[in-house]
Amino acid sequence: MASPEQLDPSLQVWLAALHQLALADGDFDAVERRMLAEHLSETLPESELDWEAMGPVHDADLARLLAADPTVAEQFLRTAVVVALADGHLSRAELDLLQHWAELLGCDQAPLAGLQPCIDHLSDDDWHPLEPLKHWLDELDPSDPRVAGFIVNLIPSQCPFERDIVLFGHKLVHIPPMCKLNPLYDQLVGLRFRCLGHLSQEQQLRICRKDSAQA
């Protein structure tokens, strides 16, 4: 295990920013927040950070550690877009944060141009502006297992729109998968698969057991 002085501060800020973005739309309940914090504590045990109590990442730290290398900055922005879209929709708070970070880090904002809040409600007519974003996300392949693990844990293993409506213990109706409501679903699934390939066999087995339990 690396000692605190060996911890890459850019990775710490990178994951802290993704953690902030994951909570930005307020959809995470207390249990989900705790699970996310526990995952980050396992990912960076040497950081000794209280992830549950952590506040927003400072712009100055993000710019200082990530803006110097345009490639690193763009890779961070791509992972941030994935985190924002992982639950199947995009909130105004998430989009504002993405655009702010893109400007702060000097990234090309063109791939973000097709994004709109509540992306799961886009119609077929809105698909064309998202083509550049699809190709942009298809090129993302985070080799760092800690970033890859974070993404795998946020992207659901099955369509988040599929669910059973239960009342008084009886299933009333089953809502089938509607993955194409999210026009970037294929990109998210492909990325999750690539990220799994960067994890250890032990991590992959643990995630497979978790996926099976949720199926």
Protein backbone atom coordinates (compact mmCIF):
# COMPACT_ATOMS: atom_id res chain seq x y z
CA MET A 1 0.00 0.00 0.00
CA ALA A 2 1.32 3.43 -0.88
CA SER A 3 2.10 5.82 1.93
CA PRO A 4 0.26 9.20 2.04
CA GLU A 5 3.22 11.05 0.59
CA GLN A 6 3.24 8.68 -2.43
CA LEU A 7 -0.43 9.22 -3.26
CA ASP A 8 -0.92 10.91 -6.61
CA PRO A 9 -2.77 14.13 -5.69
CA SER A 10 -4.21 14.45 -9.20
CA LEU A 11 -5.92 11.05 -8.86
CA GLN A 12 -7.31 12.04 -5.47
CA VAL A 13 -8.77 15.27 -6.86
CA TRP A 14 -10.00 13.42 -9.98
CA LEU A 15 -12.02 10.91 -7.95
CA ALA A 16 -13.18 13.56 -5.47
CA ALA A 17 -14.60 15.59 -8.37
CA LEU A 18 -16.38 12.52 -9.80
CA HIS A 19 -17.79 11.84 -6.34
CA GLN A 20 -19.07 15.43 -6.20
CA LEU A 21 -20.68 15.06 -9.63
CA ALA A 22 -22.33 11.75 -8.74
CA LEU A 23 -24.12 13.48 -5.85
CA ALA A 24 -24.91 16.69 -7.73
CA ASP A 25 -28.47 15.83 -8.77
CA GLY A 26 -29.54 14.75 -5.29
CA ASP A 27 -30.71 11.30 -6.43
CA PHE A 28 -28.44 9.38 -4.03
CA ASP A 29 -30.09 8.40 -0.76
CA ALA A 30 -28.16 7.91 2.49
CA VAL A 31 -27.46 4.23 1.82
CA GLU A 32 -26.19 4.90 -1.72
CA ARG A 33 -24.01 7.76 -0.48
CA ARG A 34 -22.47 5.50 2.14
CA MET A 35 -21.83 2.72 -0.40
CA LEU A 36 -20.15 5.18 -2.75
CA ALA A 37 -17.99 6.54 0.09
CA GLU A 38 -17.04 3.00 1.12
CA HIS A 39 -16.02 2.18 -2.46
CA LEU A 40 -13.82 5.27 -2.63
CA SER A 41 -12.26 4.44 0.74
CA GLU A 42 -11.39 0.98 -0.61
CA THR A 43 -10.10 2.52 -3.84
CA LEU A 44 -7.82 5.04 -2.12
CA PRO A 45 -7.28 3.67 1.40
CA GLU A 46 -4.09 5.70 1.77
CA SER A 47 -5.91 9.00 1.25
CA GLU A 48 -7.48 8.97 4.74
CA LEU A 49 -10.35 11.15 3.50
CA ASP A 50 -13.86 11.26 4.90
CA TRP A 51 -15.65 10.86 1.58
CA GLU A 52 -19.13 11.15 3.06
CA ALA A 53 -18.33 14.51 4.63
CA MET A 54 -16.27 15.84 1.72
CA GLY A 55 -17.36 19.15 0.22
CA PRO A 56 -17.02 20.35 -3.38
CA VAL A 57 -13.61 20.19 -5.03
CA HIS A 58 -11.92 23.59 -5.26
CA ASP A 59 -11.55 24.95 -8.78
CA ALA A 60 -7.98 25.99 -8.03
CA ASP A 61 -6.99 22.42 -7.12
CA LEU A 62 -8.70 20.95 -10.17
CA ALA A 63 -7.03 23.45 -12.52
CA ARG A 64 -3.61 23.13 -10.87
CA LEU A 65 -3.52 19.34 -11.02
CA LEU A 66 -5.36 18.54 -14.26
CA ALA A 67 -5.26 21.53 -16.61
CA ALA A 68 -1.54 21.45 -17.37
CA ASP A 69 -1.82 18.35 -19.57
CA PRO A 70 -4.63 18.70 -22.18
CA THR A 71 -4.84 14.91 -22.58
CA VAL A 72 -5.34 14.37 -18.85
CA ALA A 73 -7.89 17.18 -18.71
CA GLU A 74 -9.91 15.70 -21.57
CA GLN A 75 -9.81 12.20 -20.07
CA PHE A 76 -11.11 13.63 -16.81
CA LEU A 77 -13.94 15.42 -18.62
CA ARG A 78 -14.90 12.24 -20.48
CA THR A 79 -15.11 10.27 -17.24
CA ALA A 80 -17.16 13.09 -15.72
CA VAL A 81 -19.66 12.91 -18.59
CA VAL A 82 -19.98 9.16 -18.04
CA VAL A 83 -20.64 9.64 -14.31
CA ALA A 84 -23.32 12.24 -15.08
CA LEU A 85 -25.08 9.92 -17.55
CA ALA A 86 -24.66 6.65 -15.64
CA ASP A 87 -28.15 6.75 -14.10
CA GLY A 88 -29.86 7.27 -17.46
CA HIS A 89 -30.60 10.98 -17.25
CA LEU A 90 -28.80 14.31 -17.02
CA SER A 91 -29.84 17.02 -14.56
CA ARG A 92 -29.33 20.75 -14.99
CA ALA A 93 -26.94 20.75 -11.99
CA GLU A 94 -24.81 18.03 -13.60
CA LEU A 95 -24.72 19.74 -17.00
CA ASP A 96 -23.77 23.08 -15.43
CA LEU A 97 -20.91 21.41 -13.57
CA LEU A 98 -19.66 19.66 -16.73
CA GLN A 99 -19.66 22.90 -18.70
CA HIS A 100 -17.95 24.74 -15.86
CA TRP A 101 -15.19 22.14 -15.62
CA ALA A 102 -14.70 22.08 -19.39
CA GLU A 103 -14.15 25.84 -19.38
CA LEU A 104 -11.96 25.70 -16.28
CA LEU A 105 -9.66 23.06 -17.79
CA GLY A 106 -9.60 24.57 -21.28
CA CYS A 107 -11.26 21.53 -22.88
CA ASP A 108 -13.08 21.54 -26.18
CA GLN A 109 -16.78 21.90 -25.31
CA ALA A 110 -18.01 20.79 -28.74
CA PRO A 111 -18.73 17.18 -27.60
CA LEU A 112 -21.03 18.58 -24.89
CA ALA A 113 -23.06 20.65 -27.32
CA GLY A 114 -25.70 17.95 -27.89
CA LEU A 115 -26.37 17.38 -24.20
CA GLN A 116 -29.59 18.62 -22.64
CA PRO A 117 -31.05 18.10 -19.17
CA CYS A 118 -33.22 14.98 -18.83
CA ILE A 119 -31.45 13.21 -21.68
CA ASP A 120 -33.71 10.18 -21.25
CA HIS A 121 -36.54 12.18 -22.82
CA LEU A 122 -34.73 12.92 -26.07
CA SER A 123 -36.62 12.01 -29.23
CA ASP A 124 -35.27 10.40 -32.38
CA ASP A 125 -34.86 13.88 -33.87
CA ASP A 126 -32.32 14.71 -31.16
CA TRP A 127 -30.01 11.80 -31.82
CA HIS A 128 -27.95 13.36 -34.58
CA PRO A 129 -26.31 16.11 -32.45
CA LEU A 130 -25.13 13.38 -30.07
CA GLU A 131 -23.09 11.49 -32.69
CA PRO A 132 -19.84 13.38 -31.87
CA LEU A 133 -20.38 12.68 -28.16
CA LYS A 134 -20.91 8.96 -28.87
CA HIS A 135 -17.58 8.71 -30.72
CA TRP A 136 -15.89 10.81 -27.99
CA LEU A 137 -17.06 8.40 -25.26
CA ASP A 138 -16.20 5.32 -27.35
CA GLU A 139 -12.57 6.48 -27.24
CA LEU A 140 -12.53 6.54 -23.43
CA ASP A 141 -10.61 3.60 -21.91
CA PRO A 142 -9.36 4.57 -18.42
CA SER A 143 -6.36 2.33 -17.71
CA ASP A 144 -6.05 3.34 -14.06
CA PRO A 145 -7.93 0.57 -12.19
CA ARG A 146 -9.09 3.01 -9.51
CA VAL A 147 -10.84 5.26 -12.05
CA ALA A 148 -12.09 2.20 -13.94
CA GLY A 149 -13.47 0.69 -10.72
CA PHE A 150 -15.30 3.90 -9.87
CA ILE A 151 -17.00 3.93 -13.28
CA VAL A 152 -17.94 0.24 -13.11
CA ASN A 153 -19.62 0.79 -9.75
CA LEU A 154 -21.67 3.72 -11.08
CA ILE A 155 -22.85 2.28 -14.40
CA PRO A 156 -25.65 -0.24 -13.71
CA SER A 157 -25.19 -3.77 -15.06
CA GLN A 158 -28.73 -3.72 -16.43
CA CYS A 159 -31.00 -1.02 -17.80
CA PRO A 160 -31.99 1.29 -14.92
CA PHE A 161 -35.41 1.79 -16.48
CA GLU A 162 -36.45 -1.84 -15.94
CA ARG A 163 -38.40 -2.38 -12.73
CA ASP A 164 -41.36 -4.05 -11.07
CA ILE A 165 -44.19 -2.01 -9.59
CA VAL A 166 -45.14 -3.74 -6.32
CA LEU A 167 -48.05 -2.89 -4.04
CA PHE A 168 -48.69 -4.66 -0.71
CA GLY A 169 -46.24 -7.38 -1.67
CA HIS A 170 -47.89 -8.12 -5.04
CA LYS A 171 -46.35 -7.26 -8.39
CA LEU A 172 -48.82 -5.12 -10.33
CA VAL A 173 -46.85 -4.54 -13.49
CA HIS A 174 -43.39 -5.08 -14.94
CA ILE A 175 -41.87 -2.17 -16.84
CA PRO A 176 -39.62 -3.72 -19.52
CA PRO A 177 -36.18 -2.40 -20.44
CA MET A 178 -36.37 0.87 -22.33
CA CYS A 179 -32.67 1.38 -22.85
CA LYS A 180 -33.03 3.24 -26.12
CA LEU A 181 -34.65 6.09 -24.22
CA ASN A 182 -31.04 6.85 -23.35
CA PRO A 183 -29.31 7.28 -26.73
CA LEU A 184 -25.90 6.86 -25.06
CA TYR A 185 -26.77 3.53 -23.44
CA ASP A 186 -24.57 1.51 -25.81
CA GLN A 187 -21.60 3.78 -25.04
CA LEU A 188 -22.09 3.31 -21.29
CA VAL A 189 -22.37 -0.48 -21.57
CA GLY A 190 -19.28 -0.67 -23.78
CA LEU A 191 -17.30 1.51 -21.42
CA ARG A 192 -18.31 -0.59 -18.40
CA PHE A 193 -17.04 -3.69 -20.19
CA ARG A 194 -13.71 -2.01 -21.04
CA CYS A 195 -13.29 -0.80 -17.46
CA LEU A 196 -13.91 -4.31 -16.10
CA GLY A 197 -10.94 -5.47 -18.16
CA HIS A 198 -8.64 -3.16 -16.18
CA LEU A 199 -9.64 -4.62 -12.81
CA SER A 200 -8.05 -7.53 -10.99
CA GLN A 201 -9.66 -10.96 -11.21
CA GLU A 202 -10.73 -10.67 -7.57
CA GLN A 203 -12.47 -7.34 -8.24
CA GLN A 204 -14.16 -8.74 -11.34
CA LEU A 205 -15.52 -11.71 -9.39
CA ARG A 206 -16.80 -9.45 -6.62
CA ILE A 207 -18.59 -7.22 -9.14
CA CYS A 208 -20.05 -10.25 -10.97
CA ARG A 209 -21.49 -11.53 -7.68
CA LYS A 210 -22.94 -8.09 -6.98
CA ASP A 211 -24.46 -7.92 -10.49
CA SER A 212 -25.98 -11.39 -10.09
CA ALA A 213 -27.54 -10.42 -6.76
CA GLN A 214 -29.17 -7.37 -8.37
CA ALA A 215 -30.47 -9.24 -11.42
